[in-house]
PDB file of all heavy atoms in Angstrom:
ATOM      1  N   ARG A   1      71.325  50.596  32.257  1.00  0.00           N
ATOM      2  CA  ARG A   1      71.265  50.922  33.687  1.00  0.00           C
ATOM      3  C   ARG A   1      71.085  52.421  33.877  1.00  0.00           C
ATOM      4  O   ARG A   1      70.280  52.855  34.715  1.00  0.00           O
ATOM      5  CB  ARG A   1      72.519  50.437  34.393  1.00  0.00           C
ATOM      6  CG  ARG A   1      72.495  50.714  35.894  1.00  0.00           C
ATOM      7  CD  ARG A   1      73.547  49.948  36.654  1.00  0.00           C
ATOM      8  NE  ARG A   1      73.420  50.197  38.074  1.00  0.00           N
ATOM      9  CZ  ARG A   1      73.964  49.436  39.013  1.00  0.00           C
ATOM     10  NH1 ARG A   1      74.638  48.344  38.678  1.00  0.00           N
ATOM     11  NH2 ARG A   1      73.812  49.732  40.290  1.00  0.00           N
ATOM     12  N   ALA A   2      71.811  53.217  33.099  1.00  0.00           N
ATOM     13  CA  ALA A   2      71.690  54.678  33.210  1.00  0.00           C
ATOM     14  C   ALA A   2      70.303  55.144  32.778  1.00  0.00           C
ATOM     15  O   ALA A   2      69.716  56.047  33.394  1.00  0.00           O
ATOM     16  CB  ALA A   2      72.765  55.355  32.359  1.00  0.00           C
ATOM     17  N   ALA A   3      69.755  54.532  31.727  1.00  0.00           N
ATOM     18  CA  ALA A   3      68.427  54.910  31.246  1.00  0.00           C
ATOM     19  C   ALA A   3      67.365  54.653  32.307  1.00  0.00           C
ATOM     20  O   ALA A   3      66.481  55.492  32.548  1.00  0.00           O
ATOM     21  CB  ALA A   3      68.094  54.138  29.973  1.00  0.00           C
ATOM     22  N   ALA A   4      67.456  53.490  32.953  1.00  0.00           N
ATOM     23  CA  ALA A   4      66.482  53.162  33.995  1.00  0.00           C
ATOM     24  C   ALA A   4      66.653  54.055  35.219  1.00  0.00           C
ATOM     25  O   ALA A   4      65.658  54.506  35.810  1.00  0.00           O
ATOM     26  CB  ALA A   4      66.613  51.688  34.382  1.00  0.00           C
ATOM     27  N   ALA A   5      67.892  54.319  35.605  1.00  0.00           N
ATOM     28  CA  ALA A   5      68.146  55.159  36.786  1.00  0.00           C
ATOM     29  C   ALA A   5      67.642  56.579  36.571  1.00  0.00           C
ATOM     30  O   ALA A   5      67.112  57.214  37.494  1.00  0.00           O
ATOM     31  CB  ALA A   5      69.634  55.154  37.106  1.00  0.00           C
ATOM     32  N   LEU A   6      67.799  57.070  35.353  1.00  0.00           N
ATOM     33  CA  LEU A   6      67.343  58.421  35.014  1.00  0.00           C
ATOM     34  C   LEU A   6      65.822  58.515  35.140  1.00  0.00           C
ATOM     35  O   LEU A   6      65.287  59.444  35.765  1.00  0.00           O
ATOM     36  CB  LEU A   6      67.784  58.744  33.590  1.00  0.00           C
ATOM     37  CG  LEU A   6      67.815  60.205  33.141  1.00  0.00           C
ATOM     38  CD1 LEU A   6      68.776  61.013  33.989  1.00  0.00           C
ATOM     39  CD2 LEU A   6      68.236  60.268  31.676  1.00  0.00           C
ATOM     40  N   ALA A   7      65.132  57.562  34.554  1.00  0.00           N
ATOM     41  CA  ALA A   7      63.675  57.547  34.651  1.00  0.00           C
ATOM     42  C   ALA A   7      63.217  57.297  36.087  1.00  0.00           C
ATOM     43  O   ALA A   7      62.236  57.895  36.557  1.00  0.00           O
ATOM     44  CB  ALA A   7      63.111  56.469  33.718  1.00  0.00           C
ATOM     45  N   ARG A   8      63.938  56.435  36.783  1.00  0.00           N
ATOM     46  CA  ARG A   8      63.587  56.104  38.170  1.00  0.00           C
ATOM     47  C   ARG A   8      63.601  57.342  39.063  1.00  0.00           C
ATOM     48  O   ARG A   8      62.693  57.556  39.869  1.00  0.00           O
ATOM     49  CB  ARG A   8      64.585  55.067  38.698  1.00  0.00           C
ATOM     50  CG  ARG A   8      64.458  54.666  40.151  1.00  0.00           C
ATOM     51  CD  ARG A   8      63.414  53.597  40.314  1.00  0.00           C
ATOM     52  NE  ARG A   8      62.093  54.132  40.550  1.00  0.00           N
ATOM     53  CZ  ARG A   8      60.972  53.516  40.212  1.00  0.00           C
ATOM     54  NH1 ARG A   8      60.990  52.357  39.589  1.00  0.00           N
ATOM     55  NH2 ARG A   8      59.801  54.067  40.465  1.00  0.00           N
ATOM     56  N   SER A   9      64.649  58.156  38.915  1.00  0.00           N
ATOM     57  CA  SER A   9      64.766  59.337  39.777  1.00  0.00           C
ATOM     58  C   SER A   9      63.622  60.312  39.538  1.00  0.00           C
ATOM     59  O   SER A   9      63.087  60.909  40.489  1.00  0.00           O
ATOM     60  CB  SER A   9      66.116  60.027  39.562  1.00  0.00           C
ATOM     61  OG  SER A   9      66.229  60.541  38.247  1.00  0.00           O
ATOM     62  N   GLU A  10      63.204  60.463  38.280  1.00  0.00           N
ATOM     63  CA  GLU A  10      62.092  61.371  37.986  1.00  0.00           C
ATOM     64  C   GLU A  10      60.767  60.793  38.470  1.00  0.00           C
ATOM     65  O   GLU A  10      59.928  61.502  39.023  1.00  0.00           O
ATOM     66  CB  GLU A  10      62.033  61.655  36.481  1.00  0.00           C
ATOM     67  CG  GLU A  10      63.107  62.594  35.986  1.00  0.00           C
ATOM     68  CD  GLU A  10      63.072  63.928  36.715  1.00  0.00           C
ATOM     69  OE1 GLU A  10      62.063  64.664  36.574  1.00  0.00           O
ATOM     70  OE2 GLU A  10      64.042  64.236  37.435  1.00  0.00           O
ATOM     71  N   ALA A  11      60.564  59.487  38.244  1.00  0.00           N
ATOM     72  CA  ALA A  11      59.327  58.853  38.704  1.00  0.00           C
ATOM     73  C   ALA A  11      59.192  58.955  40.219  1.00  0.00           C
ATOM     74  O   ALA A  11      58.109  59.277  40.748  1.00  0.00           O
ATOM     75  CB  ALA A  11      59.291  57.392  38.266  1.00  0.00           C
ATOM     76  N   ASP A  12      60.276  58.697  40.939  1.00  0.00           N
ATOM     77  CA  ASP A  12      60.230  58.778  42.404  1.00  0.00           C
ATOM     78  C   ASP A  12      59.961  60.193  42.885  1.00  0.00           C
ATOM     79  O   ASP A  12      59.269  60.398  43.889  1.00  0.00           O
ATOM     80  CB  ASP A  12      61.538  58.258  42.994  1.00  0.00           C
ATOM     81  CG  ASP A  12      61.658  56.739  42.923  1.00  0.00           C
ATOM     82  OD1 ASP A  12      60.657  56.080  42.571  1.00  0.00           O
ATOM     83  OD2 ASP A  12      62.744  56.208  43.216  1.00  0.00           O
ATOM     84  N   ARG A  13      60.520  61.160  42.181  1.00  0.00           N
ATOM     85  CA  ARG A  13      60.302  62.561  42.565  1.00  0.00           C
ATOM     86  C   ARG A  13      58.817  62.911  42.487  1.00  0.00           C
ATOM     87  O   ARG A  13      58.279  63.569  43.382  1.00  0.00           O
ATOM     88  CB  ARG A  13      61.137  63.473  41.654  1.00  0.00           C
ATOM     89  CG  ARG A  13      61.163  64.932  42.070  1.00  0.00           C
ATOM     90  CD  ARG A  13      62.320  65.655  41.407  1.00  0.00           C
ATOM     91  NE  ARG A  13      62.181  65.743  39.976  1.00  0.00           N
ATOM     92  CZ  ARG A  13      61.530  66.721  39.348  1.00  0.00           C
ATOM     93  NH1 ARG A  13      60.929  67.680  40.036  1.00  0.00           N
ATOM     94  NH2 ARG A  13      61.470  66.750  38.031  1.00  0.00           N
ATOM     95  N   PHE A  14      58.146  62.458  41.454  1.00  0.00           N
ATOM     96  CA  PHE A  14      56.722  62.751  41.305  1.00  0.00           C
ATOM     97  C   PHE A  14      55.876  61.928  42.271  1.00  0.00           C
ATOM     98  O   PHE A  14      54.841  62.404  42.758  1.00  0.00           O
ATOM     99  CB  PHE A  14      56.283  62.521  39.857  1.00  0.00           C
ATOM    100  CG  PHE A  14      56.513  63.696  38.971  1.00  0.00           C
ATOM    101  CD1 PHE A  14      57.790  64.016  38.521  1.00  0.00           C
ATOM    102  CD2 PHE A  14      55.470  64.533  38.596  1.00  0.00           C
ATOM    103  CE1 PHE A  14      58.016  65.112  37.703  1.00  0.00           C
ATOM    104  CE2 PHE A  14      55.679  65.628  37.783  1.00  0.00           C
ATOM    105  CZ  PHE A  14      56.957  65.935  37.343  1.00  0.00           C
ATOM    106  N   THR A  15      56.304  60.693  42.550  1.00  0.00           N
ATOM    107  CA  THR A  15      55.576  59.877  43.523  1.00  0.00           C
ATOM    108  C   THR A  15      55.630  60.507  44.911  1.00  0.00           C
ATOM    109  O   THR A  15      54.629  60.511  45.647  1.00  0.00           O
ATOM    110  CB  THR A  15      56.141  58.448  43.565  1.00  0.00           C
ATOM    111  OG1 THR A  15      55.997  57.839  42.278  1.00  0.00           O
ATOM    112  CG2 THR A  15      55.419  57.586  44.602  1.00  0.00           C
ATOM    113  N   LEU A  16      56.781  61.043  45.294  1.00  0.00           N
ATOM    114  CA  LEU A  16      56.912  61.697  46.594  1.00  0.00           C
ATOM    115  C   LEU A  16      55.990  62.911  46.705  1.00  0.00           C
ATOM    116  O   LEU A  16      55.477  63.210  47.788  1.00  0.00           O
ATOM    117  CB  LEU A  16      58.362  62.115  46.835  1.00  0.00           C
ATOM    118  CG  LEU A  16      59.323  60.983  47.245  1.00  0.00           C
ATOM    119  CD1 LEU A  16      60.771  61.473  47.201  1.00  0.00           C
ATOM    120  CD2 LEU A  16      58.968  60.464  48.639  1.00  0.00           C
ATOM    121  N   ARG A  17      55.765  63.581  45.600  1.00  0.00           N
ATOM    122  CA  ARG A  17      54.858  64.726  45.613  1.00  0.00           C
ATOM    123  C   ARG A  17      53.417  64.292  45.867  1.00  0.00           C
ATOM    124  O   ARG A  17      52.654  64.999  46.519  1.00  0.00           O
ATOM    125  CB  ARG A  17      54.904  65.462  44.261  1.00  0.00           C
ATOM    126  CG  ARG A  17      56.174  66.227  43.989  1.00  0.00           C
ATOM    127  CD  ARG A  17      55.991  66.946  42.649  1.00  0.00           C
ATOM    128  NE  ARG A  17      57.207  67.605  42.206  1.00  0.00           N
ATOM    129  CZ  ARG A  17      57.301  68.249  41.049  1.00  0.00           C
ATOM    130  NH1 ARG A  17      56.255  68.287  40.222  1.00  0.00           N
ATOM    131  NH2 ARG A  17      58.433  68.836  40.705  1.00  0.00           N
ATOM    132  N   ASN A  18      53.055  63.128  45.326  1.00  0.00           N
ATOM    133  CA  ASN A  18      51.682  62.651  45.447  1.00  0.00           C
ATOM    134  C   ASN A  18      51.685  61.125  45.543  1.00  0.00           C
ATOM    135  O   ASN A  18      51.492  60.430  44.543  1.00  0.00           O
ATOM    136  CB  ASN A  18      50.845  63.113  44.256  1.00  0.00           C
ATOM    137  CG  ASN A  18      49.392  62.677  44.362  1.00  0.00           C
ATOM    138  OD1 ASN A  18      48.965  62.164  45.390  1.00  0.00           O
ATOM    139  ND2 ASN A  18      48.625  62.858  43.293  1.00  0.00           N
ATOM    140  N   PRO A  19      51.897  60.578  46.752  1.00  0.00           N
ATOM    141  CA  PRO A  19      51.977  59.120  46.906  1.00  0.00           C
ATOM    142  C   PRO A  19      50.687  58.387  46.521  1.00  0.00           C
ATOM    143  O   PRO A  19      50.721  57.169  46.302  1.00  0.00           O
ATOM    144  CB  PRO A  19      52.272  58.945  48.398  1.00  0.00           C
ATOM    145  CG  PRO A  19      52.894  60.236  48.822  1.00  0.00           C
ATOM    146  CD  PRO A  19      52.209  61.289  48.007  1.00  0.00           C
ATOM    147  N   SER A  20      49.567  59.080  46.423  1.00  0.00           N
ATOM    148  CA  SER A  20      48.331  58.416  46.010  1.00  0.00           C
ATOM    149  C   SER A  20      48.319  58.128  44.509  1.00  0.00           C
ATOM    150  O   SER A  20      47.444  57.414  44.022  1.00  0.00           O
ATOM    151  CB  SER A  20      47.122  59.277  46.379  1.00  0.00           C
ATOM    152  OG  SER A  20      47.114  60.478  45.624  1.00  0.00           O
ATOM    153  N   LYS A  21      49.274  58.711  43.786  1.00  0.00           N
ATOM    154  CA  LYS A  21      49.409  58.450  42.347  1.00  0.00           C
ATOM    155  C   LYS A  21      50.860  58.028  42.073  1.00  0.00           C
ATOM    156  O   LYS A  21      51.661  58.799  41.543  1.00  0.00           O
ATOM    157  CB  LYS A  21      49.055  59.702  41.537  1.00  0.00           C
ATOM    158  CG  LYS A  21      49.095  59.519  40.014  1.00  0.00           C
ATOM    159  CD  LYS A  21      48.736  60.830  39.309  1.00  0.00           C
ATOM    160  CE  LYS A  21      49.003  60.780  37.815  1.00  0.00           C
ATOM    161  NZ  LYS A  21      48.142  59.821  37.110  1.00  0.00           N
ATOM    162  N   PRO A  22      51.207  56.799  42.445  1.00  0.00           N
ATOM    163  CA  PRO A  22      52.591  56.348  42.235  1.00  0.00           C
ATOM    164  C   PRO A  22      52.927  56.261  40.748  1.00  0.00           C
ATOM    165  O   PRO A  22      52.073  55.943  39.926  1.00  0.00           O
ATOM    166  CB  PRO A  22      52.624  54.972  42.895  1.00  0.00           C
ATOM    167  CG  PRO A  22      51.206  54.514  42.900  1.00  0.00           C
ATOM    168  CD  PRO A  22      50.373  55.750  43.049  1.00  0.00           C
ATOM    169  N   ARG A  23      54.183  56.551  40.427  1.00  0.00           N
ATOM    170  CA  ARG A  23      54.653  56.503  39.044  1.00  0.00           C
ATOM    171  C   ARG A  23      55.606  55.319  38.879  1.00  0.00           C
ATOM    172  O   ARG A  23      56.388  55.009  39.780  1.00  0.00           O
ATOM    173  CB  ARG A  23      55.356  57.804  38.667  1.00  0.00           C
ATOM    174  CG  ARG A  23      54.607  59.085  39.051  1.00  0.00           C
ATOM    175  CD  ARG A  23      53.212  59.186  38.426  1.00  0.00           C
ATOM    176  NE  ARG A  23      52.552  60.420  38.835  1.00  0.00           N
ATOM    177  CZ  ARG A  23      52.507  61.527  38.116  1.00  0.00           C
ATOM    178  NH1 ARG A  23      53.075  61.559  36.925  1.00  0.00           N
ATOM    179  NH2 ARG A  23      51.872  62.591  38.569  1.00  0.00           N
ATOM    180  N   PHE A  24      55.575  54.719  37.711  1.00  0.00           N
ATOM    181  CA  PHE A  24      56.348  53.505  37.453  1.00  0.00           C
ATOM    182  C   PHE A  24      57.266  53.690  36.244  1.00  0.00           C
ATOM    183  O   PHE A  24      57.008  54.523  35.378  1.00  0.00           O
ATOM    184  CB  PHE A  24      55.403  52.329  37.211  1.00  0.00           C
ATOM    185  CG  PHE A  24      54.491  52.036  38.378  1.00  0.00           C
ATOM    186  CD1 PHE A  24      53.203  52.563  38.416  1.00  0.00           C
ATOM    187  CD2 PHE A  24      54.925  51.252  39.437  1.00  0.00           C
ATOM    188  CE1 PHE A  24      52.360  52.302  39.493  1.00  0.00           C
ATOM    189  CE2 PHE A  24      54.096  50.988  40.510  1.00  0.00           C
ATOM    190  CZ  PHE A  24      52.815  51.514  40.539  1.00  0.00           C
ATOM    191  N   VAL A  25      58.310  52.859  36.210  1.00  0.00           N
ATOM    192  CA  VAL A  25      59.286  52.898  35.114  1.00  0.00           C
ATOM    193  C   VAL A  25      59.212  51.598  34.332  1.00  0.00           C
ATOM    194  O   VAL A  25      59.338  50.503  34.900  1.00  0.00           O
ATOM    195  CB  VAL A  25      60.719  53.108  35.648  1.00  0.00           C
ATOM    196  CG1 VAL A  25      61.737  52.988  34.510  1.00  0.00           C
ATOM    197  CG2 VAL A  25      60.837  54.461  36.332  1.00  0.00           C
TER     198      VAL A  25
END
């Protein structure tokens, strides 16, 4: 759960910067 949450927070941060290039975990 911690591993996924850690990656999730970083992926979402980059998606917010550029929603046309969403990032996935």
